[in-house]
Protein backbone atom coordinates (compact mmCIF):
# COMPACT_ATOMS: atom_id res chain seq x y z
CA UNK A 1 9.68 21.07 17.36
CA UNK A 2 9.93 17.28 17.50
CA UNK A 3 6.86 15.53 16.14
CA UNK A 4 5.10 12.92 18.22
CA UNK A 5 5.41 9.34 16.92
CA UNK A 6 2.62 8.09 14.70
CA UNK A 7 0.30 5.76 16.58
CA UNK A 8 -0.96 3.73 13.61
CA UNK A 9 0.22 3.35 10.01
CA UNK A 10 -1.54 1.48 7.22
CA UNK A 11 0.80 0.06 4.57
CA UNK A 12 -0.25 -0.54 0.99
CA UNK A 13 2.27 -2.02 -1.41
CA UNK A 14 2.34 -3.02 -5.06
CA UNK A 15 -1.03 -1.54 -5.97
CA UNK A 16 -0.13 -1.81 -9.66
CA UNK A 17 -2.91 0.40 -10.94
CA UNK A 18 -5.65 -1.86 -9.58
CA UNK A 19 -8.09 0.90 -8.71
CA UNK A 20 -11.11 -1.16 -7.50
CA UNK A 21 -8.87 -3.21 -5.17
CA UNK A 22 -7.32 0.01 -3.85
CA UNK A 23 -10.74 1.54 -3.22
CA UNK A 24 -11.77 -1.55 -1.25
CA UNK A 25 -8.73 -1.27 1.01
CA UNK A 26 -9.16 2.47 1.50
CA UNK A 27 -12.72 1.79 2.70
CA UNK A 28 -11.43 -0.37 5.56
CA UNK A 29 -12.20 1.32 8.92
CA UNK A 30 -8.69 0.64 10.24
CA UNK A 31 -7.17 2.22 7.15
CA UNK A 32 -9.38 5.28 7.44
CA UNK A 33 -8.48 5.60 11.13
CA UNK A 34 -4.72 5.32 10.57
CA UNK A 35 -2.55 8.35 11.29
CA UNK A 36 -0.66 7.76 8.05
CA UNK A 37 -0.96 5.74 4.86
CA UNK A 38 2.37 4.53 3.47
CA UNK A 39 2.72 3.30 -0.11
CA UNK A 40 5.77 1.07 -0.48
CA UNK A 41 6.17 1.31 -4.24
CA UNK A 42 4.92 -0.05 -7.57
CA UNK A 43 1.86 2.13 -7.43
CA UNK A 44 0.57 2.66 -10.95
CA UNK A 45 2.00 0.03 -13.32
CA UNK A 46 -1.25 -1.71 -14.17
CA UNK A 47 -4.59 -1.34 -15.94
CA UNK A 48 -5.76 1.95 -14.33
CA UNK A 49 -2.63 4.04 -13.76
CA UNK A 50 -4.03 7.56 -14.18
CA UNK A 51 -7.07 7.02 -11.97
CA UNK A 52 -5.02 5.27 -9.28
CA UNK A 53 -2.55 8.15 -9.02
CA UNK A 54 -5.32 10.76 -9.04
CA UNK A 55 -7.10 9.05 -6.16
CA UNK A 56 -3.95 8.78 -4.05
CA UNK A 57 -2.88 12.36 -4.74
CA UNK A 58 -6.34 13.54 -3.63
CA UNK A 59 -5.60 12.12 -0.17
CA UNK A 60 -2.98 14.79 0.39
CA UNK A 61 -0.37 14.76 3.15
CA UNK A 62 -1.97 11.75 4.84
CA UNK A 63 -0.06 9.64 2.30
CA UNK A 64 3.68 8.94 2.39
CA UNK A 65 5.02 7.72 -0.94
CA UNK A 66 7.99 5.39 -1.46
CA UNK A 67 9.43 4.64 -4.90
CA UNK A 68 9.32 1.16 -6.43
CA UNK A 69 11.17 -0.22 -9.43
CA UNK A 70 7.99 -0.18 -11.54
CA UNK A 71 7.52 3.50 -10.73
CA UNK A 72 10.97 4.22 -12.20
CA UNK A 73 10.06 2.07 -15.18
CA UNK A 74 6.89 4.07 -15.90
CA UNK A 75 8.91 7.29 -15.90
CA UNK A 76 11.33 5.79 -18.42
CA UNK A 77 8.46 4.61 -20.63
CA UNK A 78 6.78 8.01 -20.50
CA UNK A 79 10.05 9.51 -21.72
CA UNK A 80 10.29 7.23 -24.72
CA UNK A 81 11.64 3.88 -23.56
CA UNK A 82 9.85 0.54 -23.68
CA UNK A 83 9.26 -1.99 -20.92
CA UNK A 84 9.50 -5.75 -21.24
CA UNK A 85 6.07 -5.80 -19.58
CA UNK A 86 3.21 -4.96 -21.93
CA UNK A 87 1.06 -3.42 -19.22
CA UNK A 88 3.89 -1.14 -18.07
CA UNK A 89 4.58 0.06 -21.61
CA UNK A 90 0.89 0.87 -21.99
CA UNK A 91 0.56 2.43 -18.52
CA UNK A 92 3.60 4.66 -18.86
CA UNK A 93 2.19 6.13 -22.06
CA UNK A 94 -1.09 7.05 -20.34
CA UNK A 95 0.44 9.26 -17.66
CA UNK A 96 0.10 13.03 -17.68
CA UNK A 97 3.29 15.11 -17.30
CA UNK A 98 2.43 15.98 -13.68
CA UNK A 99 2.10 12.27 -12.87
CA UNK A 100 5.42 11.47 -14.52
CA UNK A 101 7.03 14.23 -12.46
CA UNK A 102 5.41 12.87 -9.29
CA UNK A 103 6.78 9.36 -9.83
CA UNK A 104 10.18 10.72 -10.81
CA UNK A 105 10.48 12.57 -7.49
CA UNK A 106 9.50 9.70 -5.19
CA UNK A 107 12.01 8.95 -2.41
CA UNK A 108 13.51 5.59 -1.48
CA UNK A 109 13.73 4.63 1.34
CA UNK A 110 11.67 6.62 3.89
CA UNK A 111 11.87 6.44 7.70
CA UNK A 112 9.00 7.31 10.06
CA UNK A 113 8.82 7.27 13.85
CA UNK A 114 5.97 4.98 14.97
CA UNK A 115 4.80 4.40 18.52
CA UNK A 116 5.83 0.97 19.80
CA UNK A 117 8.34 0.51 16.99
CA UNK A 118 10.62 3.55 17.01
CA UNK A 119 12.13 4.52 13.66
CA UNK A 120 10.68 2.29 10.93
CA UNK A 121 12.30 2.16 7.51
CA UNK A 122 9.99 1.73 4.52
CA UNK A 123 11.46 0.52 1.23
CA UNK A 124 10.42 -1.42 -1.85
CA UNK A 125 12.97 -4.18 -2.47
CA UNK A 126 15.58 -3.55 0.23
CA UNK A 127 16.79 -0.38 1.97
CA UNK A 128 19.61 -0.03 -0.55
CA UNK A 129 17.91 -1.07 -3.81
CA UNK A 130 14.27 -0.87 -4.89
CA UNK A 131 14.61 -3.96 -7.13
CA UNK A 132 16.61 -6.25 -4.86
CA UNK A 133 14.91 -9.48 -3.75
CA UNK A 134 14.70 -10.85 -0.22
CA UNK A 135 12.19 -13.50 0.80
CA UNK A 136 10.73 -14.92 3.97
CA UNK A 137 13.12 -17.89 3.65
CA UNK A 138 16.20 -15.95 2.55
CA UNK A 139 19.34 -16.87 4.49
CA UNK A 140 20.38 -14.73 7.45
CA UNK A 141 23.62 -14.02 5.61
CA UNK A 142 21.59 -12.53 2.75
CA UNK A 143 19.61 -10.34 5.14
CA UNK A 144 22.82 -9.24 6.85
CA UNK A 145 24.19 -8.20 3.48
CA UNK A 146 21.18 -6.13 2.41
CA UNK A 147 20.98 -4.50 5.87
CA UNK A 148 24.68 -3.63 5.96
CA UNK A 149 25.10 0.02 6.87
CA UNK A 150 21.54 0.38 8.14
CA UNK A 151 21.20 2.64 11.17
CA UNK A 152 21.26 0.38 14.27
CA UNK A 153 18.38 2.44 15.68
CA UNK A 154 16.10 1.07 12.94
CA UNK A 155 14.70 -2.13 14.40
CA UNK A 156 11.80 -2.54 11.94
CA UNK A 157 11.99 -2.62 8.14
CA UNK A 158 8.90 -2.72 5.92
CA UNK A 159 9.40 -3.80 2.33
CA UNK A 160 7.38 -4.79 -0.74
CA UNK A 161 8.31 -5.92 -4.26
CA UNK A 162 7.71 -9.69 -3.95
CA UNK A 163 3.91 -9.43 -3.46
CA UNK A 164 3.89 -12.00 -0.62
CA UNK A 165 2.89 -10.96 2.92
CA UNK A 166 5.13 -12.06 5.79
CA UNK A 167 6.82 -10.97 8.98
CA UNK A 168 9.96 -12.48 10.44
CA UNK A 169 12.84 -11.68 12.77
CA UNK A 170 16.30 -11.09 11.34
CA UNK A 171 18.92 -10.92 14.08
CA UNK A 172 16.56 -9.02 16.43
CA UNK A 173 15.28 -6.77 13.66
CA UNK A 174 11.63 -7.16 12.57
CA UNK A 175 10.97 -7.38 8.82
CA UNK A 176 7.46 -6.94 7.39
CA UNK A 177 6.12 -7.34 3.87
CA UNK A 178 2.54 -6.15 3.42
CA UNK A 179 1.94 -8.22 0.28
CA UNK A 180 0.24 -6.70 -2.76
CA UNK A 181 -3.01 -4.78 -3.17
CA UNK A 182 -3.34 -5.36 -6.90
CA UNK A 183 -1.22 -8.40 -7.82
CA UNK A 184 -1.19 -10.72 -4.79
CA UNK A 185 0.74 -13.96 -4.59
CA UNK A 186 -0.57 -16.59 -2.18
CA UNK A 187 -4.28 -15.85 -1.84
CA UNK A 188 -6.40 -13.69 -4.16
CA UNK A 189 -7.70 -10.40 -2.87
CA UNK A 190 -5.94 -7.20 -1.77
CA UNK A 191 -3.39 -7.54 1.04
CA UNK A 192 -2.09 -4.76 3.27
CA UNK A 193 -0.62 -4.29 6.74
CA UNK A 194 -1.22 -2.23 9.85
CA UNK A 195 1.37 -1.13 12.40
CA UNK A 196 -0.37 -0.04 15.59
CA UNK A 197 0.75 0.19 19.22
CA UNK A 198 3.79 -2.01 18.61
CA UNK A 199 1.83 -4.77 16.89
CA UNK A 200 1.99 -5.87 13.24
CA UNK A 201 -1.23 -6.99 11.59
CA UNK A 202 -1.09 -8.59 8.16
CA UNK A 203 -4.51 -7.98 6.66
CA UNK A 204 -6.52 -9.06 3.64
CA UNK A 205 -9.64 -7.20 2.54
CA UNK A 206 -12.62 -9.40 1.75
CA UNK A 207 -13.92 -8.46 -1.68
CA UNK A 208 -16.12 -9.83 -4.42
CA UNK A 209 -13.35 -10.82 -6.82
CA UNK A 210 -15.65 -11.09 -9.80
CA UNK A 211 -17.13 -7.65 -9.18
CA UNK A 212 -13.66 -6.10 -8.92
CA UNK A 213 -12.54 -7.90 -12.08
CA UNK A 214 -15.58 -6.63 -14.02
CA UNK A 215 -15.07 -3.08 -12.74
CA UNK A 216 -11.44 -3.12 -13.82
CA UNK A 217 -12.33 -4.34 -17.31
CA UNK A 218 -15.06 -1.72 -17.67
CA UNK A 219 -12.80 1.14 -16.61
CA UNK A 220 -9.55 0.20 -18.33
CA UNK A 221 -8.56 0.73 -21.96
CA UNK A 222 -5.60 -1.65 -21.74
CA UNK A 223 -5.98 -4.23 -24.53
CA UNK A 224 -4.82 -7.06 -22.29
CA UNK A 225 -7.02 -6.20 -19.32
CA UNK A 226 -9.14 -9.38 -19.50
CA UNK A 227 -6.05 -11.58 -19.25
CA UNK A 228 -4.67 -9.33 -16.51
CA UNK A 229 -7.71 -9.65 -14.26
CA UNK A 230 -7.95 -13.39 -14.87
CA UNK A 231 -4.43 -13.83 -13.58
CA UNK A 232 -4.20 -11.22 -10.83
CA UNK A 233 -7.75 -10.55 -9.66
CA UNK A 234 -9.80 -13.71 -10.11
CA UNK A 235 -6.92 -15.93 -9.03
CA UNK A 236 -3.39 -15.58 -7.73
CA UNK A 237 -0.11 -17.41 -8.11
CA UNK A 238 0.52 -19.58 -5.07
CA UNK A 239 3.15 -18.48 -2.58
CA UNK A 240 5.08 -21.69 -3.29
CA UNK A 241 5.11 -20.96 -7.01
CA UNK A 242 6.17 -17.36 -6.46
CA UNK A 243 8.95 -18.38 -4.09
CA UNK A 244 10.32 -20.78 -6.70
CA UNK A 245 10.38 -17.99 -9.29
CA UNK A 246 11.93 -15.37 -7.01
CA UNK A 247 14.36 -17.67 -5.17
CA UNK A 248 17.20 -17.52 -7.73
CA UNK A 249 17.21 -13.73 -7.37
CA UNK A 250 18.00 -13.62 -3.65
CA UNK A 251 21.53 -14.95 -4.10
CA UNK A 252 20.96 -18.38 -2.62
CA UNK A 253 22.28 -20.23 -5.67
CA UNK A 254 25.53 -18.26 -5.59
CA UNK A 255 26.04 -19.03 -1.91
CA UNK A 256 25.43 -22.74 -2.52
CA UNK A 257 28.02 -22.80 -5.29
CA UNK A 258 30.70 -21.00 -3.31
């Protein structure tokens, strides 16, 4: 039997183990009313990895999980490797075996049928690579490259990875980035997105940043948690700064040289 398309989908990306920020977003009425919650990767690599995964698992089949590069990294750390990121090395070592197995089995990408959009592809970096970078100002030639081989029926792609919310058209295909719940670039506070009745809403949950920072510090045993919340909770890198950092990774320098 063919399932009816989902009417509304809430998208949470790059939570990065920021449990209080996640709880604030989950309390949003439009999130609670959504037919499905989709996580577009990088779920637990942060100061509260175990608690974050436990909360999301408790939500059952309402949640659709998509793998991010940091999720792969946590699995590698849990199995004896080390990350270049201190928080990821710490977080991977906190996970229980069942949580490591969960992250190891996450799919990438995932496609869902959504009313008003048709088949929507959810990925982390790009449909072909969970670590690949594309940005709101990436060249159309770059987008054409990363979308090569994508099913023509997919007219909407939702991605994460760069922590900056945007939507743009790419040769008649809609691209959406929900931004980051736990490590936002642009404005502080948890960002997320809603797809409903053919309309994209980029949303930001209003929170008491200081309260969320204090909660994170109180709950986490990560030795660098104070520095983490100062950088990612109390403030945020500007979108301009983040774009400058990410830009060399979207291939634009190579295209300029050739």
